[in-house]
Amino acid sequence: MFEIQPMNAETFRQQTRRSTVIIALIFLTLAMVLSTTAVAVFGEPGGDNLRFNVGGVFVAVLLMVALMRGKFWTQEWMAPAVYGWRLKRSLMSVTNVMHQVTAAVEAGDPTALKLLRFYHLGLSQMHELDGNSSDHGQLTREMDLHKARMDALGIETEQTQLNPAWLEAVKQTPR
């Protein structure tokens, strides 16, 4: 279950830039070392060693995937980037069923209303964290209308958690 956490946008961007630079530097170092080693061990002086260079880069990609999944993902310096990734994945899971969500919201389904509120709150935070204010005006109007509808129905509007059961319930609604 994903939960929206309060976060300072400027700090978030600073920390994600830092983690991106760290990952890029590690990858570049691995790629250079592995390509150089492959050419030194298997290559021919003055020959075409492109395949060994490409092989070194490919192995570096595989190592980076393993490092990301096994080591870096749980590191404190990666936490903001991981949070951003999880936020976007959660929003995408709602986007994938949005036509069903909107139909269920129109029908007054409380689960769909909560799901759409989570989506609005998450999308608003994502825009804020990414520094994307271009669509924020339209989103704010939609959020306010939806919040007012939930208030009128007596449904809690602080939907900061994505409950996977909501997605399943909306998927089961007839189209």
N, C-alpha and C. Protein backbone atom coordinates (compact mmCIF):
# COMPACT_ATOMS: atom_id res chain seq x y z
N MET A 1 0.85 -1.17 0.00
CA MET A 1 0.00 0.00 0.00
C MET A 1 0.90 1.24 0.00
N PHE A 2 0.67 2.12 -0.94
CA PHE A 2 1.44 3.35 -1.05
C PHE A 2 0.73 4.45 -0.29
N GLU A 3 1.51 5.30 0.37
CA GLU A 3 0.95 6.45 1.09
C GLU A 3 1.68 7.72 0.68
N ILE A 4 0.92 8.75 0.38
CA ILE A 4 1.48 10.06 0.04
C ILE A 4 2.08 10.65 1.32
N GLN A 5 3.34 11.06 1.23
CA GLN A 5 4.05 11.65 2.36
C GLN A 5 4.27 13.13 2.09
N PRO A 6 4.16 13.97 3.12
CA PRO A 6 4.49 15.38 2.90
C PRO A 6 5.98 15.52 2.58
N MET A 7 6.30 16.38 1.63
CA MET A 7 7.68 16.49 1.19
C MET A 7 7.93 17.89 0.65
N ASN A 8 9.09 18.44 0.95
CA ASN A 8 9.49 19.74 0.42
C ASN A 8 9.99 19.53 -1.01
N ALA A 9 9.39 20.24 -1.94
CA ALA A 9 9.69 20.04 -3.36
C ALA A 9 11.13 20.39 -3.70
N GLU A 10 11.63 21.49 -3.17
CA GLU A 10 13.01 21.89 -3.49
C GLU A 10 14.02 20.87 -2.94
N THR A 11 13.79 20.42 -1.72
CA THR A 11 14.68 19.40 -1.13
C THR A 11 14.59 18.11 -1.93
N PHE A 12 13.38 17.73 -2.33
CA PHE A 12 13.18 16.53 -3.13
C PHE A 12 13.99 16.59 -4.43
N ARG A 13 13.86 17.71 -5.14
CA ARG A 13 14.58 17.85 -6.41
C ARG A 13 16.09 17.84 -6.19
N GLN A 14 16.55 18.48 -5.15
CA GLN A 14 17.99 18.50 -4.85
C GLN A 14 18.50 17.09 -4.56
N GLN A 15 17.75 16.35 -3.75
CA GLN A 15 18.18 15.00 -3.39
C GLN A 15 18.10 14.03 -4.56
N THR A 16 17.09 14.16 -5.40
CA THR A 16 16.99 13.27 -6.56
C THR A 16 18.07 13.58 -7.60
N ARG A 17 18.41 14.86 -7.74
CA ARG A 17 19.52 15.20 -8.64
C ARG A 17 20.82 14.58 -8.13
N ARG A 18 21.04 14.65 -6.83
CA ARG A 18 22.25 14.09 -6.24
C ARG A 18 22.31 12.58 -6.45
N SER A 19 21.21 11.88 -6.21
CA SER A 19 21.21 10.43 -6.39
C SER A 19 21.38 10.06 -7.86
N THR A 20 20.84 10.87 -8.76
CA THR A 20 21.01 10.63 -10.19
C THR A 20 22.48 10.77 -10.60
N VAL A 21 23.13 11.79 -10.08
CA VAL A 21 24.55 11.99 -10.38
C VAL A 21 25.37 10.83 -9.83
N ILE A 22 25.07 10.39 -8.63
CA ILE A 22 25.80 9.26 -8.04
C ILE A 22 25.66 8.02 -8.90
N ILE A 23 24.43 7.71 -9.28
CA ILE A 23 24.17 6.52 -10.11
C ILE A 23 24.88 6.64 -11.46
N ALA A 24 24.81 7.82 -12.07
CA ALA A 24 25.45 8.02 -13.37
C ALA A 24 26.97 7.86 -13.26
N LEU A 25 27.57 8.41 -12.22
CA LEU A 25 29.02 8.28 -12.04
C LEU A 25 29.44 6.83 -11.81
N ILE A 26 28.65 6.11 -11.03
CA ILE A 26 28.96 4.70 -10.79
C ILE A 26 28.86 3.92 -12.10
N PHE A 27 27.79 4.18 -12.86
CA PHE A 27 27.63 3.49 -14.14
C PHE A 27 28.78 3.81 -15.09
N LEU A 28 29.11 5.08 -15.23
CA LEU A 28 30.21 5.46 -16.13
C LEU A 28 31.52 4.80 -15.72
N THR A 29 31.79 4.78 -14.43
CA THR A 29 33.02 4.15 -13.94
C THR A 29 33.02 2.66 -14.26
N LEU A 30 31.91 1.99 -13.96
CA LEU A 30 31.82 0.56 -14.26
C LEU A 30 31.98 0.29 -15.75
N ALA A 31 31.30 1.07 -16.57
CA ALA A 31 31.36 0.86 -18.02
C ALA A 31 32.78 1.07 -18.54
N MET A 32 33.45 2.11 -18.07
CA MET A 32 34.82 2.38 -18.54
C MET A 32 35.78 1.27 -18.08
N VAL A 33 35.68 0.89 -16.81
CA VAL A 33 36.58 -0.13 -16.27
C VAL A 33 36.35 -1.47 -16.96
N LEU A 34 35.08 -1.86 -17.09
CA LEU A 34 34.78 -3.17 -17.70
C LEU A 34 35.13 -3.20 -19.19
N SER A 35 34.87 -2.11 -19.91
CA SER A 35 35.23 -2.06 -21.33
C SER A 35 36.74 -2.10 -21.51
N THR A 36 37.45 -1.32 -20.71
CA THR A 36 38.92 -1.30 -20.79
C THR A 36 39.50 -2.67 -20.46
N THR A 37 38.94 -3.30 -19.43
CA THR A 37 39.42 -4.62 -19.03
C THR A 37 39.14 -5.66 -20.12
N ALA A 38 37.94 -5.61 -20.70
CA ALA A 38 37.59 -6.56 -21.76
C ALA A 38 38.52 -6.41 -22.96
N VAL A 39 38.82 -5.17 -23.34
CA VAL A 39 39.72 -4.93 -24.48
C VAL A 39 41.12 -5.40 -24.13
N ALA A 40 41.57 -5.12 -22.90
CA ALA A 40 42.93 -5.52 -22.49
C ALA A 40 43.08 -7.03 -22.44
N VAL A 41 42.04 -7.73 -21.99
CA VAL A 41 42.13 -9.18 -21.84
C VAL A 41 41.84 -9.90 -23.16
N PHE A 42 40.81 -9.49 -23.87
CA PHE A 42 40.37 -10.23 -25.05
C PHE A 42 40.69 -9.55 -26.39
N GLY A 43 41.00 -8.28 -26.36
CA GLY A 43 41.18 -7.51 -27.59
C GLY A 43 42.51 -7.73 -28.27
N GLU A 44 42.59 -7.17 -29.46
CA GLU A 44 43.82 -7.25 -30.26
C GLU A 44 44.37 -5.84 -30.43
N PRO A 45 45.66 -5.66 -30.23
CA PRO A 45 46.24 -4.33 -30.44
C PRO A 45 46.03 -3.88 -31.89
N GLY A 46 45.46 -2.71 -32.04
CA GLY A 46 45.21 -2.17 -33.38
C GLY A 46 44.04 -2.82 -34.09
N GLY A 47 43.37 -3.78 -33.44
CA GLY A 47 42.24 -4.47 -34.07
C GLY A 47 40.92 -3.79 -33.76
N ASP A 48 39.86 -4.36 -34.28
CA ASP A 48 38.51 -3.85 -34.02
C ASP A 48 38.02 -4.43 -32.71
N ASN A 49 37.97 -3.63 -31.67
CA ASN A 49 37.58 -4.09 -30.34
C ASN A 49 36.21 -3.56 -29.90
N LEU A 50 35.43 -3.14 -30.88
CA LEU A 50 34.13 -2.57 -30.57
C LEU A 50 33.26 -3.54 -29.77
N ARG A 51 33.27 -4.81 -30.15
CA ARG A 51 32.41 -5.78 -29.46
C ARG A 51 32.80 -5.92 -27.99
N PHE A 52 34.08 -5.75 -27.66
CA PHE A 52 34.52 -5.84 -26.26
C PHE A 52 34.12 -4.58 -25.49
N ASN A 53 34.17 -3.44 -26.17
CA ASN A 53 33.70 -2.20 -25.54
C ASN A 53 32.20 -2.27 -25.26
N VAL A 54 31.45 -2.71 -26.26
CA VAL A 54 30.00 -2.85 -26.09
C VAL A 54 29.69 -3.90 -25.02
N GLY A 55 30.43 -4.98 -25.01
CA GLY A 55 30.25 -6.02 -24.00
C GLY A 55 30.49 -5.49 -22.60
N GLY A 56 31.51 -4.66 -22.44
CA GLY A 56 31.80 -4.05 -21.13
C GLY A 56 30.67 -3.15 -20.67
N VAL A 57 30.12 -2.38 -21.60
CA VAL A 57 28.98 -1.50 -21.27
C VAL A 57 27.76 -2.35 -20.91
N PHE A 58 27.51 -3.40 -21.67
CA PHE A 58 26.38 -4.28 -21.39
C PHE A 58 26.49 -4.92 -20.00
N VAL A 59 27.68 -5.40 -19.66
CA VAL A 59 27.89 -5.98 -18.33
C VAL A 59 27.70 -4.90 -17.26
N ALA A 60 28.13 -3.67 -17.53
CA ALA A 60 27.93 -2.57 -16.58
C ALA A 60 26.44 -2.30 -16.36
N VAL A 61 25.65 -2.38 -17.43
CA VAL A 61 24.20 -2.20 -17.30
C VAL A 61 23.62 -3.29 -16.40
N LEU A 62 24.03 -4.53 -16.63
CA LEU A 62 23.54 -5.64 -15.80
C LEU A 62 23.95 -5.47 -14.34
N LEU A 63 25.18 -5.06 -14.12
CA LEU A 63 25.65 -4.82 -12.75
C LEU A 63 24.87 -3.68 -12.09
N MET A 64 24.58 -2.64 -12.83
CA MET A 64 23.82 -1.52 -12.28
C MET A 64 22.40 -1.94 -11.91
N VAL A 65 21.80 -2.77 -12.73
CA VAL A 65 20.46 -3.28 -12.40
C VAL A 65 20.53 -4.07 -11.10
N ALA A 66 21.51 -4.93 -10.97
CA ALA A 66 21.67 -5.73 -9.75
C ALA A 66 21.95 -4.83 -8.54
N LEU A 67 22.82 -3.85 -8.72
CA LEU A 67 23.12 -2.93 -7.62
C LEU A 67 21.90 -2.11 -7.22
N MET A 68 21.14 -1.65 -8.21
CA MET A 68 19.94 -0.87 -7.90
C MET A 68 18.93 -1.68 -7.12
N ARG A 69 18.69 -2.89 -7.56
CA ARG A 69 17.69 -3.74 -6.89
C ARG A 69 18.19 -4.28 -5.56
N GLY A 70 19.45 -4.64 -5.51
CA GLY A 70 19.96 -5.31 -4.32
C GLY A 70 20.54 -4.40 -3.26
N LYS A 71 21.11 -3.29 -3.64
CA LYS A 71 21.84 -2.47 -2.68
C LYS A 71 21.31 -1.04 -2.60
N PHE A 72 21.26 -0.35 -3.71
CA PHE A 72 20.97 1.08 -3.69
C PHE A 72 19.53 1.41 -3.31
N TRP A 73 18.58 0.58 -3.72
CA TRP A 73 17.16 0.87 -3.54
C TRP A 73 16.80 1.16 -2.08
N THR A 74 17.49 0.52 -1.15
CA THR A 74 17.17 0.68 0.27
C THR A 74 18.05 1.72 0.97
N GLN A 75 18.94 2.36 0.25
CA GLN A 75 19.83 3.35 0.86
C GLN A 75 19.09 4.66 1.12
N GLU A 76 19.47 5.32 2.18
CA GLU A 76 18.84 6.59 2.55
C GLU A 76 18.98 7.65 1.45
N TRP A 77 20.12 7.70 0.79
CA TRP A 77 20.33 8.72 -0.24
C TRP A 77 19.46 8.50 -1.48
N MET A 78 18.87 7.31 -1.59
CA MET A 78 17.98 7.01 -2.72
C MET A 78 16.51 7.19 -2.35
N ALA A 79 16.19 7.42 -1.07
CA ALA A 79 14.80 7.45 -0.61
C ALA A 79 13.91 8.42 -1.40
N PRO A 80 14.33 9.66 -1.66
CA PRO A 80 13.44 10.54 -2.44
C PRO A 80 13.18 10.02 -3.86
N ALA A 81 14.19 9.49 -4.51
CA ALA A 81 14.00 8.96 -5.87
C ALA A 81 13.08 7.74 -5.85
N VAL A 82 13.24 6.89 -4.85
CA VAL A 82 12.38 5.72 -4.72
C VAL A 82 10.94 6.15 -4.45
N TYR A 83 10.78 7.14 -3.58
CA TYR A 83 9.44 7.66 -3.29
C TYR A 83 8.80 8.21 -4.58
N GLY A 84 9.54 9.00 -5.34
CA GLY A 84 9.02 9.55 -6.59
C GLY A 84 8.63 8.45 -7.56
N TRP A 85 9.45 7.41 -7.65
CA TRP A 85 9.15 6.29 -8.54
C TRP A 85 7.87 5.59 -8.09
N ARG A 86 7.75 5.35 -6.77
CA ARG A 86 6.56 4.66 -6.24
C ARG A 86 5.30 5.52 -6.43
N LEU A 87 5.44 6.83 -6.25
CA LEU A 87 4.31 7.74 -6.47
C LEU A 87 3.84 7.65 -7.92
N LYS A 88 4.75 7.71 -8.84
CA LYS A 88 4.39 7.66 -10.27
C LYS A 88 3.81 6.30 -10.64
N ARG A 89 4.34 5.23 -10.08
CA ARG A 89 3.79 3.89 -10.34
C ARG A 89 2.36 3.78 -9.79
N SER A 90 2.12 4.34 -8.63
CA SER A 90 0.78 4.31 -8.04
C SER A 90 -0.20 5.10 -8.89
N LEU A 91 0.23 6.27 -9.34
CA LEU A 91 -0.63 7.07 -10.20
C LEU A 91 -0.91 6.35 -11.53
N MET A 92 0.10 5.68 -12.05
CA MET A 92 -0.09 4.96 -13.31
C MET A 92 -1.08 3.81 -13.14
N SER A 93 -1.06 3.17 -11.97
CA SER A 93 -2.02 2.07 -11.75
C SER A 93 -3.46 2.60 -11.77
N VAL A 94 -3.66 3.83 -11.34
CA VAL A 94 -4.99 4.43 -11.41
C VAL A 94 -5.28 4.88 -12.84
N THR A 95 -4.30 5.49 -13.49
CA THR A 95 -4.47 5.95 -14.86
C THR A 95 -4.88 4.80 -15.78
N ASN A 96 -4.33 3.62 -15.54
CA ASN A 96 -4.64 2.45 -16.38
C ASN A 96 -6.10 2.04 -16.33
N VAL A 97 -6.80 2.43 -15.28
CA VAL A 97 -8.23 2.09 -15.17
C VAL A 97 -9.10 3.35 -15.07
N MET A 98 -8.56 4.47 -15.53
CA MET A 98 -9.24 5.76 -15.35
C MET A 98 -10.62 5.79 -16.00
N HIS A 99 -10.78 5.15 -17.16
CA HIS A 99 -12.11 5.15 -17.78
C HIS A 99 -13.14 4.46 -16.88
N GLN A 100 -12.72 3.41 -16.18
CA GLN A 100 -13.61 2.73 -15.24
C GLN A 100 -13.83 3.57 -13.98
N VAL A 101 -12.78 4.26 -13.54
CA VAL A 101 -12.88 5.12 -12.36
C VAL A 101 -13.89 6.23 -12.62
N THR A 102 -13.74 6.92 -13.75
CA THR A 102 -14.63 8.05 -14.03
C THR A 102 -16.09 7.58 -14.20
N ALA A 103 -16.28 6.42 -14.80
CA ALA A 103 -17.64 5.89 -14.94
C ALA A 103 -18.23 5.57 -13.57
N ALA A 104 -17.42 4.97 -12.70
CA ALA A 104 -17.90 4.63 -11.36
C ALA A 104 -18.12 5.88 -10.51
N VAL A 105 -17.29 6.90 -10.70
CA VAL A 105 -17.50 8.17 -9.99
C VAL A 105 -18.82 8.79 -10.42
N GLU A 106 -19.09 8.78 -11.72
CA GLU A 106 -20.36 9.33 -12.22
C GLU A 106 -21.55 8.58 -11.63
N ALA A 107 -21.35 7.28 -11.38
CA ALA A 107 -22.43 6.47 -10.79
C ALA A 107 -22.51 6.64 -9.28
N GLY A 108 -21.57 7.39 -8.69
CA GLY A 108 -21.60 7.64 -7.25
C GLY A 108 -20.96 6.57 -6.40
N ASP A 109 -20.13 5.73 -6.98
CA ASP A 109 -19.45 4.66 -6.23
C ASP A 109 -18.46 5.26 -5.24
N PRO A 110 -18.65 5.02 -3.92
CA PRO A 110 -17.76 5.60 -2.90
C PRO A 110 -16.30 5.16 -3.06
N THR A 111 -16.07 3.93 -3.47
CA THR A 111 -14.70 3.44 -3.67
C THR A 111 -14.02 4.21 -4.79
N ALA A 112 -14.73 4.42 -5.88
CA ALA A 112 -14.18 5.17 -7.00
C ALA A 112 -13.95 6.63 -6.61
N LEU A 113 -14.84 7.19 -5.82
CA LEU A 113 -14.65 8.56 -5.35
C LEU A 113 -13.37 8.68 -4.53
N LYS A 114 -13.11 7.72 -3.66
CA LYS A 114 -11.88 7.73 -2.86
C LYS A 114 -10.66 7.55 -3.75
N LEU A 115 -10.76 6.65 -4.71
CA LEU A 115 -9.65 6.39 -5.62
C LEU A 115 -9.31 7.63 -6.44
N LEU A 116 -10.33 8.31 -6.94
CA LEU A 116 -10.09 9.52 -7.71
C LEU A 116 -9.51 10.62 -6.82
N ARG A 117 -9.93 10.69 -5.56
CA ARG A 117 -9.36 11.69 -4.64
C ARG A 117 -7.88 11.39 -4.39
N PHE A 118 -7.53 10.11 -4.18
CA PHE A 118 -6.11 9.76 -4.02
C PHE A 118 -5.34 10.18 -5.28
N TYR A 119 -5.90 9.90 -6.43
CA TYR A 119 -5.24 10.23 -7.69
C TYR A 119 -5.00 11.75 -7.79
N HIS A 120 -6.01 12.53 -7.46
CA HIS A 120 -5.86 13.98 -7.50
C HIS A 120 -4.77 14.46 -6.54
N LEU A 121 -4.79 13.95 -5.31
CA LEU A 121 -3.79 14.35 -4.33
C LEU A 121 -2.38 13.94 -4.77
N GLY A 122 -2.26 12.72 -5.28
CA GLY A 122 -0.97 12.22 -5.74
C GLY A 122 -0.46 12.98 -6.95
N LEU A 123 -1.35 13.27 -7.90
CA LEU A 123 -0.96 14.01 -9.10
C LEU A 123 -0.55 15.43 -8.74
N SER A 124 -1.26 16.03 -7.81
CA SER A 124 -0.91 17.37 -7.36
C SER A 124 0.48 17.37 -6.73
N GLN A 125 0.76 16.36 -5.89
CA GLN A 125 2.09 16.29 -5.29
C GLN A 125 3.17 16.03 -6.34
N MET A 126 2.89 15.17 -7.29
CA MET A 126 3.87 14.87 -8.32
C MET A 126 4.20 16.15 -9.12
N HIS A 127 3.18 16.92 -9.47
CA HIS A 127 3.41 18.18 -10.19
C HIS A 127 4.26 19.12 -9.34
N GLU A 128 3.96 19.19 -8.05
CA GLU A 128 4.72 20.05 -7.16
C GLU A 128 6.17 19.59 -7.04
N LEU A 129 6.38 18.28 -6.85
CA LEU A 129 7.74 17.76 -6.69
C LEU A 129 8.56 17.92 -7.96
N ASP A 130 7.92 17.74 -9.10
CA ASP A 130 8.61 17.87 -10.38
C ASP A 130 8.75 19.32 -10.84
N GLY A 131 8.09 20.23 -10.14
CA GLY A 131 8.14 21.63 -10.53
C GLY A 131 7.33 21.90 -11.79
N ASN A 132 6.28 21.13 -12.02
CA ASN A 132 5.43 21.25 -13.21
C ASN A 132 4.15 21.97 -12.82
N SER A 133 4.07 23.24 -13.11
CA SER A 133 2.88 24.01 -12.73
C SER A 133 1.95 24.26 -13.91
N SER A 134 2.26 23.74 -15.08
CA SER A 134 1.47 24.04 -16.28
C SER A 134 0.04 23.52 -16.21
N ASP A 135 -0.17 22.33 -15.67
CA ASP A 135 -1.51 21.75 -15.61
C ASP A 135 -2.17 21.93 -14.25
N HIS A 136 -1.50 22.64 -13.35
CA HIS A 136 -1.97 22.69 -11.97
C HIS A 136 -3.30 23.43 -11.83
N GLY A 137 -3.55 24.48 -12.62
CA GLY A 137 -4.80 25.23 -12.52
C GLY A 137 -6.02 24.37 -12.81
N GLN A 138 -5.97 23.64 -13.90
CA GLN A 138 -7.07 22.75 -14.28
C GLN A 138 -7.26 21.66 -13.22
N LEU A 139 -6.17 21.09 -12.75
CA LEU A 139 -6.23 20.04 -11.74
C LEU A 139 -6.86 20.57 -10.46
N THR A 140 -6.49 21.78 -10.06
CA THR A 140 -7.03 22.36 -8.83
C THR A 140 -8.55 22.51 -8.92
N ARG A 141 -9.05 22.96 -10.06
CA ARG A 141 -10.51 23.08 -10.23
C ARG A 141 -11.18 21.72 -10.12
N GLU A 142 -10.62 20.71 -10.79
CA GLU A 142 -11.19 19.36 -10.72
C GLU A 142 -11.15 18.83 -9.29
N MET A 143 -10.03 19.07 -8.61
CA MET A 143 -9.89 18.60 -7.23
C MET A 143 -10.93 19.24 -6.31
N ASP A 144 -11.12 20.55 -6.47
CA ASP A 144 -12.08 21.26 -5.63
C ASP A 144 -13.51 20.76 -5.84
N LEU A 145 -13.87 20.55 -7.10
CA LEU A 145 -15.22 20.04 -7.40
C LEU A 145 -15.41 18.64 -6.82
N HIS A 146 -14.40 17.81 -7.01
CA HIS A 146 -14.49 16.43 -6.51
C HIS A 146 -14.53 16.40 -4.98
N LYS A 147 -13.72 17.23 -4.35
CA LYS A 147 -13.70 17.30 -2.88
C LYS A 147 -15.07 17.74 -2.35
N ALA A 148 -15.66 18.74 -3.00
CA ALA A 148 -16.98 19.22 -2.59
C ALA A 148 -18.01 18.11 -2.71
N ARG A 149 -17.93 17.32 -3.77
CA ARG A 149 -18.87 16.20 -3.93
C ARG A 149 -18.69 15.18 -2.83
N MET A 150 -17.44 14.87 -2.49
CA MET A 150 -17.18 13.91 -1.41
C MET A 150 -17.66 14.45 -0.07
N ASP A 151 -17.43 15.74 0.18
CA ASP A 151 -17.92 16.36 1.42
C ASP A 151 -19.44 16.25 1.51
N ALA A 152 -20.13 16.52 0.41
CA ALA A 152 -21.59 16.45 0.39
C ALA A 152 -22.09 15.04 0.67
N LEU A 153 -21.31 14.04 0.26
CA LEU A 153 -21.71 12.64 0.49
C LEU A 153 -21.21 12.12 1.83
N GLY A 154 -20.45 12.93 2.56
CA GLY A 154 -19.94 12.52 3.86
C GLY A 154 -18.78 11.53 3.78
N ILE A 155 -18.02 11.57 2.68
CA ILE A 155 -16.87 10.67 2.49
C ILE A 155 -15.60 11.43 2.86
N GLU A 156 -14.75 10.79 3.64
CA GLU A 156 -13.48 11.38 4.06
C GLU A 156 -12.67 11.80 2.84
N THR A 157 -12.15 13.03 2.85
CA THR A 157 -11.43 13.55 1.70
C THR A 157 -9.92 13.39 1.79
N GLU A 158 -9.40 13.07 2.94
CA GLU A 158 -7.94 12.87 3.09
C GLU A 158 -7.58 11.45 2.69
N GLN A 159 -7.57 11.18 1.41
CA GLN A 159 -7.29 9.85 0.87
C GLN A 159 -5.83 9.80 0.43
N THR A 160 -4.92 9.67 1.39
CA THR A 160 -3.49 9.70 1.08
C THR A 160 -2.91 8.31 0.87
N GLN A 161 -3.72 7.29 1.06
CA GLN A 161 -3.24 5.91 0.84
C GLN A 161 -3.94 5.31 -0.35
N LEU A 162 -3.16 4.58 -1.15
CA LEU A 162 -3.74 3.84 -2.27
C LEU A 162 -4.01 2.42 -1.80
N ASN A 163 -5.26 2.11 -1.64
CA ASN A 163 -5.66 0.77 -1.23
C ASN A 163 -5.81 -0.09 -2.49
N PRO A 164 -5.00 -1.15 -2.62
CA PRO A 164 -5.10 -1.99 -3.82
C PRO A 164 -6.51 -2.58 -4.03
N ALA A 165 -7.25 -2.75 -2.95
CA ALA A 165 -8.60 -3.29 -3.06
C ALA A 165 -9.51 -2.32 -3.83
N TRP A 166 -9.23 -1.02 -3.75
CA TRP A 166 -10.02 -0.05 -4.51
C TRP A 166 -9.84 -0.27 -6.00
N LEU A 167 -8.60 -0.50 -6.40
CA LEU A 167 -8.33 -0.75 -7.82
C LEU A 167 -9.06 -2.00 -8.30
N GLU A 168 -8.99 -3.04 -7.50
CA GLU A 168 -9.67 -4.29 -7.88
C GLU A 168 -11.17 -4.10 -7.95
N ALA A 169 -11.73 -3.36 -7.00
CA ALA A 169 -13.18 -3.12 -6.99
C ALA A 169 -13.59 -2.34 -8.24
N VAL A 170 -12.83 -1.35 -8.60
CA VAL A 170 -13.17 -0.54 -9.79
C VAL A 170 -13.02 -1.37 -11.05
N LYS A 171 -12.00 -2.24 -11.09
CA LYS A 171 -11.82 -3.11 -12.27
C LYS A 171 -13.00 -4.06 -12.44
N GLN A 172 -13.65 -4.42 -11.35
CA GLN A 172 -14.77 -5.37 -11.41
C GLN A 172 -16.09 -4.73 -11.81
N THR A 173 -16.14 -3.39 -11.78
CA THR A 173 -17.39 -2.74 -12.15
C THR A 173 -17.65 -2.92 -13.64
N PRO A 174 -18.91 -3.14 -14.00
CA PRO A 174 -19.22 -3.34 -15.42
C PRO A 174 -18.94 -2.06 -16.22
N ARG A 175 -18.48 -2.25 -17.43
CA ARG A 175 -18.12 -1.09 -18.30
C ARG A 175 -19.31 -0.51 -18.96
